Amino acid sequence: MNKAIFLDRDGVVNKPLFKKNRKNHPFAPNRVEDFILYHDVIKFVKKIQSKYKYKVFIITNQPDLSRGDLSINILNEMHKKLYDNLKYDGIEFCGHLSIDNCKCRKPEPGMIKKIEKKNNIDLKKSFFIGDTWRDIFCGMSAGIRTYLINRHYNKDFYCDSRISKLNDLTKIIFDLEKSNG
């Protein structure tokens, strides 16, 4: 079975946007020119894939598709930009709104479960890094070790497994690999 790192997209892989009157509420970009990767994500993904042999998957809620504020073509351009830079192993997105009550929209674990089945993933040996409560609950529901990456907008959310930067997870994985073997 494969081990995997699941990354939330907006807020972990790329920088979210903020509106002037809502500085503590991140928004997903809906233009390719606003889709900017965090500087440490490329190095993290390369190391986690090559040195530790984890598969890397990105999961993301994209309700702007349902609202009509984002086209599937723009979303595909963003994901191509991601792939060109990260060479991830797969990506899943949910275009539903909260009121749709679908099983794929985080905090539901549907996207993780779909990836698990398609890619023979051992969730007990996998990790999920997110920046919101939805991500943490999604990972926990799927039975994955979860880590909340510190961002200015999530300081009030209690989570006992926080990391300051992606490289912190590399250190955790190194320690786990060392102790297992």
N, C-alpha and C. Protein backbone atom coordinates (compact mmCIF):
# COMPACT_ATOMS: atom_id res chain seq x y z
N MET A 1 0.83 -1.19 0.00
CA MET A 1 0.00 0.00 0.00
C MET A 1 0.88 1.26 0.00
N ASN A 2 0.35 2.31 -0.55
CA ASN A 2 1.08 3.57 -0.64
C ASN A 2 0.77 4.48 0.55
N LYS A 3 1.75 5.28 0.92
CA LYS A 3 1.51 6.32 1.92
C LYS A 3 1.41 7.65 1.19
N ALA A 4 0.64 8.56 1.77
CA ALA A 4 0.35 9.80 1.04
C ALA A 4 0.36 11.01 1.96
N ILE A 5 0.64 12.14 1.34
CA ILE A 5 0.45 13.45 1.97
C ILE A 5 -0.69 14.10 1.20
N PHE A 6 -1.72 14.50 1.93
CA PHE A 6 -2.83 15.24 1.35
C PHE A 6 -2.65 16.70 1.75
N LEU A 7 -2.71 17.57 0.77
CA LEU A 7 -2.56 19.00 1.01
C LEU A 7 -3.83 19.72 0.60
N ASP A 8 -4.32 20.58 1.48
CA ASP A 8 -5.37 21.49 1.07
C ASP A 8 -4.74 22.45 0.06
N ARG A 9 -5.51 22.94 -0.87
CA ARG A 9 -4.96 23.83 -1.89
C ARG A 9 -4.81 25.26 -1.36
N ASP A 10 -5.91 25.98 -1.25
CA ASP A 10 -5.87 27.40 -0.89
C ASP A 10 -5.53 27.57 0.59
N GLY A 11 -4.37 28.18 0.85
CA GLY A 11 -3.93 28.40 2.21
C GLY A 11 -2.79 27.51 2.63
N VAL A 12 -2.56 26.42 1.89
CA VAL A 12 -1.43 25.53 2.17
C VAL A 12 -0.48 25.52 0.98
N VAL A 13 -1.02 25.26 -0.21
CA VAL A 13 -0.22 25.19 -1.43
C VAL A 13 -0.07 26.58 -2.06
N ASN A 14 -1.16 27.31 -2.12
CA ASN A 14 -1.13 28.65 -2.71
C ASN A 14 -1.71 29.67 -1.73
N LYS A 15 -1.36 30.91 -1.97
CA LYS A 15 -1.79 31.99 -1.09
C LYS A 15 -3.26 32.32 -1.34
N PRO A 16 -4.03 32.38 -0.27
CA PRO A 16 -5.43 32.80 -0.44
C PRO A 16 -5.50 34.31 -0.59
N LEU A 17 -6.66 34.78 -0.98
CA LEU A 17 -6.91 36.22 -1.08
C LEU A 17 -7.73 36.67 0.11
N PHE A 18 -7.68 37.97 0.39
CA PHE A 18 -8.45 38.55 1.49
C PHE A 18 -9.13 39.81 1.00
N LYS A 19 -10.34 40.01 1.43
CA LYS A 19 -11.06 41.24 1.10
C LYS A 19 -10.80 42.25 2.22
N LYS A 20 -10.83 43.53 1.88
CA LYS A 20 -10.50 44.59 2.83
C LYS A 20 -11.29 44.49 4.13
N ASN A 21 -12.57 44.19 4.02
CA ASN A 21 -13.41 44.15 5.22
C ASN A 21 -13.44 42.77 5.89
N ARG A 22 -12.69 41.79 5.35
CA ARG A 22 -12.67 40.43 5.92
C ARG A 22 -11.25 39.88 5.93
N LYS A 23 -10.38 40.53 6.70
CA LYS A 23 -8.96 40.17 6.71
C LYS A 23 -8.68 38.81 7.35
N ASN A 24 -9.62 38.26 8.11
CA ASN A 24 -9.42 36.96 8.73
C ASN A 24 -10.21 35.86 8.07
N HIS A 25 -10.68 36.10 6.87
CA HIS A 25 -11.43 35.09 6.13
C HIS A 25 -10.79 34.93 4.75
N PRO A 26 -10.09 33.81 4.54
CA PRO A 26 -9.42 33.60 3.25
C PRO A 26 -10.39 33.22 2.14
N PHE A 27 -10.06 33.64 0.93
CA PHE A 27 -10.85 33.32 -0.26
C PHE A 27 -9.93 32.68 -1.29
N ALA A 28 -10.47 31.76 -2.06
CA ALA A 28 -9.71 31.15 -3.14
C ALA A 28 -9.61 32.12 -4.31
N PRO A 29 -8.45 32.19 -4.94
CA PRO A 29 -8.35 33.04 -6.13
C PRO A 29 -9.22 32.48 -7.25
N ASN A 30 -9.75 33.38 -8.07
CA ASN A 30 -10.52 32.90 -9.23
C ASN A 30 -9.96 33.43 -10.54
N ARG A 31 -8.72 33.92 -10.47
CA ARG A 31 -7.98 34.32 -11.68
C ARG A 31 -6.59 33.68 -11.60
N VAL A 32 -6.09 33.22 -12.73
CA VAL A 32 -4.78 32.56 -12.76
C VAL A 32 -3.69 33.50 -12.26
N GLU A 33 -3.77 34.78 -12.60
CA GLU A 33 -2.71 35.72 -12.18
C GLU A 33 -2.69 35.94 -10.66
N ASP A 34 -3.77 35.60 -9.97
CA ASP A 34 -3.80 35.70 -8.51
C ASP A 34 -3.43 34.39 -7.82
N PHE A 35 -3.17 33.37 -8.61
CA PHE A 35 -2.87 32.03 -8.09
C PHE A 35 -1.36 31.93 -7.88
N ILE A 36 -0.92 32.19 -6.65
CA ILE A 36 0.50 32.27 -6.32
C ILE A 36 0.85 31.19 -5.29
N LEU A 37 1.82 30.35 -5.64
CA LEU A 37 2.25 29.28 -4.74
C LEU A 37 3.06 29.84 -3.59
N TYR A 38 2.94 29.20 -2.43
CA TYR A 38 3.84 29.51 -1.32
C TYR A 38 5.24 29.06 -1.71
N HIS A 39 6.24 29.81 -1.28
CA HIS A 39 7.62 29.55 -1.73
C HIS A 39 8.17 28.19 -1.27
N ASP A 40 7.70 27.65 -0.14
CA ASP A 40 8.28 26.42 0.38
C ASP A 40 7.61 25.14 -0.13
N VAL A 41 6.50 25.26 -0.84
CA VAL A 41 5.73 24.07 -1.21
C VAL A 41 6.45 23.22 -2.26
N ILE A 42 7.14 23.82 -3.20
CA ILE A 42 7.82 23.05 -4.26
C ILE A 42 8.92 22.19 -3.65
N LYS A 43 9.74 22.78 -2.82
CA LYS A 43 10.83 22.04 -2.17
C LYS A 43 10.27 20.92 -1.28
N PHE A 44 9.20 21.22 -0.55
CA PHE A 44 8.58 20.23 0.33
C PHE A 44 8.09 19.03 -0.47
N VAL A 45 7.35 19.27 -1.54
CA VAL A 45 6.78 18.18 -2.33
C VAL A 45 7.89 17.33 -2.94
N LYS A 46 8.92 17.95 -3.50
CA LYS A 46 10.02 17.18 -4.09
C LYS A 46 10.68 16.27 -3.05
N LYS A 47 10.92 16.82 -1.87
CA LYS A 47 11.60 16.05 -0.82
C LYS A 47 10.72 14.90 -0.33
N ILE A 48 9.46 15.17 -0.12
CA ILE A 48 8.54 14.17 0.43
C ILE A 48 8.33 13.03 -0.57
N GLN A 49 8.37 13.34 -1.87
CA GLN A 49 8.21 12.31 -2.89
C GLN A 49 9.50 11.51 -3.09
N SER A 50 10.63 12.19 -3.18
CA SER A 50 11.87 11.49 -3.51
C SER A 50 12.51 10.81 -2.30
N LYS A 51 12.64 11.51 -1.21
CA LYS A 51 13.34 10.95 -0.05
C LYS A 51 12.46 10.01 0.77
N TYR A 52 11.20 10.36 0.96
CA TYR A 52 10.33 9.58 1.83
C TYR A 52 9.30 8.73 1.09
N LYS A 53 9.25 8.85 -0.23
CA LYS A 53 8.40 8.02 -1.09
C LYS A 53 6.90 8.14 -0.78
N TYR A 54 6.47 9.34 -0.43
CA TYR A 54 5.05 9.60 -0.26
C TYR A 54 4.46 10.07 -1.58
N LYS A 55 3.25 9.66 -1.85
CA LYS A 55 2.49 10.23 -2.95
C LYS A 55 1.88 11.53 -2.42
N VAL A 56 1.72 12.52 -3.29
CA VAL A 56 1.18 13.82 -2.89
C VAL A 56 -0.12 14.09 -3.64
N PHE A 57 -1.16 14.38 -2.87
CA PHE A 57 -2.47 14.67 -3.44
C PHE A 57 -2.97 16.00 -2.90
N ILE A 58 -3.65 16.72 -3.75
CA ILE A 58 -4.23 18.01 -3.37
C ILE A 58 -5.74 17.85 -3.40
N ILE A 59 -6.39 18.35 -2.34
CA ILE A 59 -7.85 18.34 -2.32
C ILE A 59 -8.32 19.75 -2.00
N THR A 60 -9.43 20.13 -2.63
CA THR A 60 -9.88 21.51 -2.49
C THR A 60 -11.37 21.67 -2.73
N ASN A 61 -12.00 22.45 -1.88
CA ASN A 61 -13.38 22.88 -2.12
C ASN A 61 -13.32 24.08 -3.06
N GLN A 62 -14.12 24.07 -4.10
CA GLN A 62 -14.17 25.18 -5.05
C GLN A 62 -15.62 25.57 -5.33
N PRO A 63 -16.32 26.11 -4.32
CA PRO A 63 -17.73 26.46 -4.50
C PRO A 63 -17.96 27.57 -5.51
N ASP A 64 -16.91 28.33 -5.86
CA ASP A 64 -17.07 29.38 -6.86
C ASP A 64 -17.50 28.80 -8.22
N LEU A 65 -17.24 27.52 -8.44
CA LEU A 65 -17.73 26.87 -9.67
C LEU A 65 -19.25 26.89 -9.68
N SER A 66 -19.88 26.51 -8.58
CA SER A 66 -21.35 26.50 -8.49
C SER A 66 -21.94 27.90 -8.52
N ARG A 67 -21.21 28.85 -7.94
CA ARG A 67 -21.70 30.23 -7.90
C ARG A 67 -21.55 30.93 -9.25
N GLY A 68 -20.75 30.36 -10.14
CA GLY A 68 -20.50 30.99 -11.42
C GLY A 68 -19.38 32.03 -11.39
N ASP A 69 -18.63 32.07 -10.29
CA ASP A 69 -17.52 33.02 -10.16
C ASP A 69 -16.18 32.45 -10.64
N LEU A 70 -16.19 31.16 -11.03
CA LEU A 70 -14.98 30.49 -11.50
C LEU A 70 -15.40 29.52 -12.59
N SER A 71 -14.68 29.56 -13.71
CA SER A 71 -14.97 28.60 -14.78
C SER A 71 -14.09 27.37 -14.64
N ILE A 72 -14.55 26.26 -15.16
CA ILE A 72 -13.77 25.03 -15.13
C ILE A 72 -12.47 25.21 -15.91
N ASN A 73 -12.46 26.03 -16.95
CA ASN A 73 -11.23 26.28 -17.72
C ASN A 73 -10.18 26.99 -16.89
N ILE A 74 -10.60 27.99 -16.11
CA ILE A 74 -9.65 28.70 -15.25
C ILE A 74 -9.14 27.76 -14.16
N LEU A 75 -10.04 26.98 -13.56
CA LEU A 75 -9.63 26.01 -12.54
C LEU A 75 -8.61 25.03 -13.11
N ASN A 76 -8.85 24.54 -14.32
CA ASN A 76 -7.91 23.63 -14.96
C ASN A 76 -6.56 24.30 -15.23
N GLU A 77 -6.57 25.58 -15.61
CA GLU A 77 -5.31 26.32 -15.80
C GLU A 77 -4.53 26.41 -14.49
N MET A 78 -5.24 26.69 -13.40
CA MET A 78 -4.58 26.75 -12.09
C MET A 78 -3.97 25.41 -11.72
N HIS A 79 -4.71 24.34 -11.96
CA HIS A 79 -4.21 23.02 -11.61
C HIS A 79 -3.08 22.57 -12.52
N LYS A 80 -3.08 23.03 -13.76
CA LYS A 80 -1.93 22.76 -14.64
C LYS A 80 -0.69 23.49 -14.13
N LYS A 81 -0.88 24.75 -13.70
CA LYS A 81 0.23 25.51 -13.11
C LYS A 81 0.77 24.79 -11.88
N LEU A 82 -0.13 24.27 -11.08
CA LEU A 82 0.29 23.49 -9.90
C LEU A 82 1.10 22.28 -10.33
N TYR A 83 0.56 21.52 -11.28
CA TYR A 83 1.25 20.31 -11.70
C TYR A 83 2.61 20.62 -12.30
N ASP A 84 2.69 21.65 -13.12
CA ASP A 84 3.96 22.03 -13.74
C ASP A 84 5.02 22.34 -12.69
N ASN A 85 4.60 22.87 -11.54
CA ASN A 85 5.54 23.22 -10.47
C ASN A 85 5.74 22.12 -9.44
N LEU A 86 4.70 21.34 -9.17
CA LEU A 86 4.77 20.37 -8.07
C LEU A 86 4.86 18.91 -8.49
N LYS A 87 4.38 18.59 -9.68
CA LYS A 87 4.34 17.20 -10.12
C LYS A 87 3.62 16.32 -9.09
N TYR A 88 2.49 16.80 -8.61
CA TYR A 88 1.70 16.05 -7.63
C TYR A 88 1.15 14.78 -8.27
N ASP A 89 0.68 13.86 -7.45
CA ASP A 89 0.19 12.57 -7.94
C ASP A 89 -1.30 12.58 -8.27
N GLY A 90 -2.01 13.57 -7.78
CA GLY A 90 -3.43 13.66 -8.09
C GLY A 90 -4.07 14.85 -7.41
N ILE A 91 -5.20 15.26 -7.95
CA ILE A 91 -5.94 16.37 -7.36
C ILE A 91 -7.43 16.06 -7.47
N GLU A 92 -8.15 16.40 -6.42
CA GLU A 92 -9.61 16.27 -6.40
C GLU A 92 -10.18 17.60 -5.96
N PHE A 93 -11.29 17.97 -6.56
CA PHE A 93 -11.96 19.20 -6.13
C PHE A 93 -13.45 18.95 -6.02
N CYS A 94 -14.07 19.71 -5.14
CA CYS A 94 -15.52 19.68 -4.98
C CYS A 94 -16.04 21.05 -5.36
N GLY A 95 -16.92 21.11 -6.32
CA GLY A 95 -17.49 22.37 -6.77
C GLY A 95 -18.83 22.69 -6.13
N HIS A 96 -19.24 21.89 -5.15
CA HIS A 96 -20.55 22.09 -4.52
C HIS A 96 -20.53 23.20 -3.48
N LEU A 97 -21.70 23.69 -3.16
CA LEU A 97 -21.89 24.65 -2.06
C LEU A 97 -22.17 23.88 -0.78
N SER A 98 -22.01 24.54 0.36
CA SER A 98 -22.29 23.91 1.66
C SER A 98 -23.70 23.35 1.72
N ILE A 99 -24.66 24.08 1.17
CA ILE A 99 -26.06 23.67 1.26
C ILE A 99 -26.37 22.42 0.42
N ASP A 100 -25.45 22.02 -0.45
CA ASP A 100 -25.66 20.83 -1.27
C ASP A 100 -25.51 19.53 -0.48
N ASN A 101 -24.85 19.61 0.68
CA ASN A 101 -24.66 18.44 1.55
C ASN A 101 -24.10 17.23 0.82
N CYS A 102 -23.12 17.45 -0.03
CA CYS A 102 -22.50 16.33 -0.75
C CYS A 102 -21.46 15.66 0.16
N LYS A 103 -21.04 14.49 -0.23
CA LYS A 103 -20.06 13.73 0.57
C LYS A 103 -18.61 14.04 0.18
N CYS A 104 -18.43 14.85 -0.86
CA CYS A 104 -17.07 15.17 -1.25
C CYS A 104 -16.59 16.51 -0.67
N ARG A 105 -17.50 17.39 -0.31
CA ARG A 105 -17.11 18.70 0.19
C ARG A 105 -16.56 18.59 1.62
N LYS A 106 -15.34 19.11 1.80
CA LYS A 106 -14.78 19.13 3.14
C LYS A 106 -15.70 19.93 4.05
N PRO A 107 -15.99 19.49 5.23
CA PRO A 107 -15.26 18.54 6.07
C PRO A 107 -15.59 17.06 5.84
N GLU A 108 -16.44 16.73 4.91
CA GLU A 108 -16.69 15.32 4.61
C GLU A 108 -15.43 14.72 3.97
N PRO A 109 -15.17 13.44 4.18
CA PRO A 109 -13.92 12.83 3.68
C PRO A 109 -14.01 12.23 2.28
N GLY A 110 -15.02 12.58 1.51
CA GLY A 110 -15.24 11.95 0.20
C GLY A 110 -14.07 12.03 -0.77
N MET A 111 -13.41 13.18 -0.84
CA MET A 111 -12.29 13.30 -1.79
C MET A 111 -11.13 12.40 -1.36
N ILE A 112 -10.87 12.34 -0.07
CA ILE A 112 -9.80 11.47 0.44
C ILE A 112 -10.14 10.00 0.16
N LYS A 113 -11.37 9.63 0.42
CA LYS A 113 -11.78 8.24 0.21
C LYS A 113 -11.68 7.84 -1.27
N LYS A 114 -12.01 8.76 -2.15
CA LYS A 114 -11.90 8.50 -3.58
C LYS A 114 -10.44 8.26 -3.98
N ILE A 115 -9.55 9.12 -3.47
CA ILE A 115 -8.12 8.97 -3.76
C ILE A 115 -7.59 7.67 -3.15
N GLU A 116 -8.02 7.37 -1.93
CA GLU A 116 -7.59 6.14 -1.25
C GLU A 116 -7.88 4.91 -2.11
N LYS A 117 -9.09 4.82 -2.62
CA LYS A 117 -9.48 3.65 -3.42
C LYS A 117 -8.74 3.58 -4.75
N LYS A 118 -8.61 4.72 -5.43
CA LYS A 118 -7.96 4.74 -6.75
C LYS A 118 -6.46 4.48 -6.68
N ASN A 119 -5.84 4.80 -5.53
CA ASN A 119 -4.37 4.78 -5.46
C ASN A 119 -3.81 3.84 -4.40
N ASN A 120 -4.67 2.98 -3.84
CA ASN A 120 -4.22 2.00 -2.85
C ASN A 120 -3.45 2.69 -1.70
N ILE A 121 -4.08 3.66 -1.07
CA ILE A 121 -3.45 4.46 -0.03
C ILE A 121 -3.71 3.85 1.35
N ASP A 122 -2.67 3.77 2.15
CA ASP A 122 -2.79 3.37 3.56
C ASP A 122 -2.98 4.66 4.36
N LEU A 123 -4.20 4.94 4.76
CA LEU A 123 -4.49 6.20 5.46
C LEU A 123 -3.82 6.28 6.82
N LYS A 124 -3.55 5.14 7.45
CA LYS A 124 -2.89 5.16 8.76
C LYS A 124 -1.43 5.62 8.67
N LYS A 125 -0.86 5.54 7.48
CA LYS A 125 0.52 5.99 7.27
C LYS A 125 0.56 7.31 6.50
N SER A 126 -0.58 7.98 6.44
CA SER A 126 -0.70 9.21 5.64
C SER A 126 -0.94 10.42 6.53
N PHE A 127 -0.81 11.60 5.92
CA PHE A 127 -0.96 12.86 6.63
C PHE A 127 -1.84 13.80 5.80
N PHE A 128 -2.50 14.72 6.50
CA PHE A 128 -3.25 15.77 5.83
C PHE A 128 -2.88 17.10 6.46
N ILE A 129 -2.48 18.05 5.63
CA ILE A 129 -2.14 19.38 6.09
C ILE A 129 -3.19 20.34 5.57
N GLY A 130 -3.79 21.10 6.48
CA GLY A 130 -4.79 22.07 6.10
C GLY A 130 -4.61 23.37 6.86
N ASP A 131 -5.44 24.33 6.51
CA ASP A 131 -5.36 25.64 7.17
C ASP A 131 -6.69 26.07 7.80
N THR A 132 -7.71 25.19 7.75
CA THR A 132 -9.01 25.53 8.34
C THR A 132 -9.56 24.33 9.10
N TRP A 133 -10.59 24.60 9.88
CA TRP A 133 -11.24 23.52 10.63
C TRP A 133 -11.81 22.47 9.69
N ARG A 134 -12.29 22.89 8.51
CA ARG A 134 -12.85 21.93 7.56
C ARG A 134 -11.80 20.88 7.16
N ASP A 135 -10.58 21.33 6.97
CA ASP A 135 -9.49 20.42 6.60
C ASP A 135 -9.20 19.43 7.73
N ILE A 136 -9.10 19.94 8.93
CA ILE A 136 -8.77 19.10 10.08
C ILE A 136 -9.86 18.06 10.30
N PHE A 137 -11.13 18.48 10.27
CA PHE A 137 -12.23 17.54 10.46
C PHE A 137 -12.29 16.52 9.33
N CYS A 138 -11.99 16.94 8.11
CA CYS A 138 -11.97 16.04 6.96
C CYS A 138 -10.93 14.95 7.18
N GLY A 139 -9.72 15.34 7.51
CA GLY A 139 -8.66 14.37 7.75
C GLY A 139 -8.98 13.43 8.90
N MET A 140 -9.50 13.98 9.98
CA MET A 140 -9.85 13.15 11.13
C MET A 140 -10.95 12.15 10.76
N SER A 141 -11.94 12.60 10.00
CA SER A 141 -13.03 11.71 9.57
C SER A 141 -12.52 10.57 8.71
N ALA A 142 -11.46 10.83 7.97
CA ALA A 142 -10.89 9.80 7.09
C ALA A 142 -9.89 8.91 7.83
N GLY A 143 -9.55 9.25 9.07
CA GLY A 143 -8.59 8.45 9.82
C GLY A 143 -7.14 8.77 9.53
N ILE A 144 -6.89 10.01 9.15
CA ILE A 144 -5.53 10.45 8.81
C ILE A 144 -4.99 11.36 9.91
N ARG A 145 -3.69 11.30 10.14
CA ARG A 145 -3.05 12.27 11.04
C ARG A 145 -3.13 13.63 10.38
N THR A 146 -3.62 14.60 11.11
CA THR A 146 -3.84 15.93 10.54
C THR A 146 -2.96 16.96 11.23
N TYR A 147 -2.57 17.96 10.45
CA TYR A 147 -1.80 19.09 10.97
C TYR A 147 -2.38 20.37 10.40
N LEU A 148 -2.55 21.32 11.28
CA LEU A 148 -3.01 22.65 10.88
C LEU A 148 -1.77 23.52 10.70
N ILE A 149 -1.61 24.10 9.52
CA ILE A 149 -0.48 25.00 9.30
C ILE A 149 -0.88 26.38 9.82
N ASN A 150 -0.01 26.97 10.61
CA ASN A 150 -0.31 28.27 11.21
C ASN A 150 -0.44 29.35 10.16
N ARG A 151 -1.54 30.05 10.22
CA ARG A 151 -1.80 31.22 9.39
C ARG A 151 -2.44 32.27 10.29
N HIS A 152 -2.34 33.52 9.93
CA HIS A 152 -2.87 34.58 10.79
C HIS A 152 -4.37 34.46 11.02
N TYR A 153 -5.07 33.83 10.12
CA TYR A 153 -6.52 33.75 10.20
C TYR A 153 -7.03 32.51 10.94
N ASN A 154 -6.14 31.62 11.38
CA ASN A 154 -6.63 30.43 12.07
C ASN A 154 -6.10 30.31 13.50
N LYS A 155 -5.60 31.39 14.05
CA LYS A 155 -5.05 31.35 15.41
C LYS A 155 -6.09 31.01 16.47
N ASP A 156 -7.35 31.34 16.23
CA ASP A 156 -8.39 31.09 17.22
C ASP A 156 -8.95 29.67 17.16
N PHE A 157 -8.56 28.89 16.18
CA PHE A 157 -9.04 27.52 16.06
C PHE A 157 -8.14 26.61 16.87
N TYR A 158 -8.72 25.88 17.81
CA TYR A 158 -7.93 24.96 18.62
C TYR A 158 -7.58 23.72 17.81
N CYS A 159 -6.33 23.39 17.83
CA CYS A 159 -5.85 22.16 17.20
C CYS A 159 -4.56 21.78 17.89
N ASP A 160 -4.47 20.55 18.38
CA ASP A 160 -3.26 20.16 19.12
C ASP A 160 -2.11 19.74 18.22
N SER A 161 -2.32 19.66 16.93
CA SER A 161 -1.26 19.31 15.99
C SER A 161 -1.10 20.44 14.97
N ARG A 162 -0.24 21.37 15.31
CA ARG A 162 0.02 22.52 14.44
C ARG A 162 1.46 22.48 13.95
N ILE A 163 1.64 23.01 12.76
CA ILE A 163 2.99 23.22 12.24
C ILE A 163 3.10 24.66 11.77
N SER A 164 4.30 25.21 11.83
CA SER A 164 4.51 26.59 11.41
C SER A 164 4.79 26.70 9.93
N LYS A 165 5.42 25.65 9.38
CA LYS A 165 5.75 25.63 7.95
C LYS A 165 5.77 24.18 7.49
N LEU A 166 5.71 23.97 6.20
CA LEU A 166 5.65 22.62 5.65
C LEU A 166 6.86 21.78 6.05
N ASN A 167 8.02 22.39 6.13
CA ASN A 167 9.22 21.64 6.48
C ASN A 167 9.12 21.01 7.87
N ASP A 168 8.26 21.56 8.75
CA ASP A 168 8.05 20.95 10.07
C ASP A 168 7.52 19.53 9.92
N LEU A 169 6.66 19.30 8.93
CA LEU A 169 6.13 17.96 8.72
C LEU A 169 7.23 17.02 8.23
N THR A 170 8.16 17.53 7.46
CA THR A 170 9.29 16.72 7.00
C THR A 170 10.06 16.20 8.21
N LYS A 171 10.26 17.04 9.21
CA LYS A 171 10.97 16.62 10.43
C LYS A 171 10.17 15.56 11.18
N ILE A 172 8.86 15.71 11.25
CA ILE A 172 7.99 14.73 11.92
C ILE A 172 8.09 13.38 11.20
N ILE A 173 8.02 13.41 9.88
CA ILE A 173 8.11 12.18 9.08
C ILE A 173 9.47 11.53 9.26
N PHE A 174 10.53 12.32 9.25
CA PHE A 174 11.88 11.79 9.45
C PHE A 174 11.96 11.04 10.78
N ASP A 175 11.42 11.67 11.84
CA ASP A 175 11.44 11.03 13.16
C ASP A 175 10.62 9.74 13.17
N LEU A 176 9.47 9.73 12.51
CA LEU A 176 8.65 8.52 12.42
C LEU A 176 9.36 7.40 11.66
N GLU A 177 9.97 7.76 10.54
CA GLU A 177 10.68 6.77 9.71
C GLU A 177 11.85 6.19 10.51
N LYS A 178 12.54 7.04 11.25
CA LYS A 178 13.69 6.62 12.04
C LYS A 178 13.25 5.65 13.15
N SER A 179 12.15 5.97 13.81
CA SER A 179 11.68 5.13 14.90
C SER A 179 11.08 3.80 14.41
N ASN A 180 10.60 3.79 13.16
CA ASN A 180 10.02 2.56 12.60
C ASN A 180 11.04 1.69 11.87
N GLY A 181 12.24 2.22 11.80
CA GLY A 181 13.07 1.42 11.10
C GLY A 181 14.28 1.29 10.54
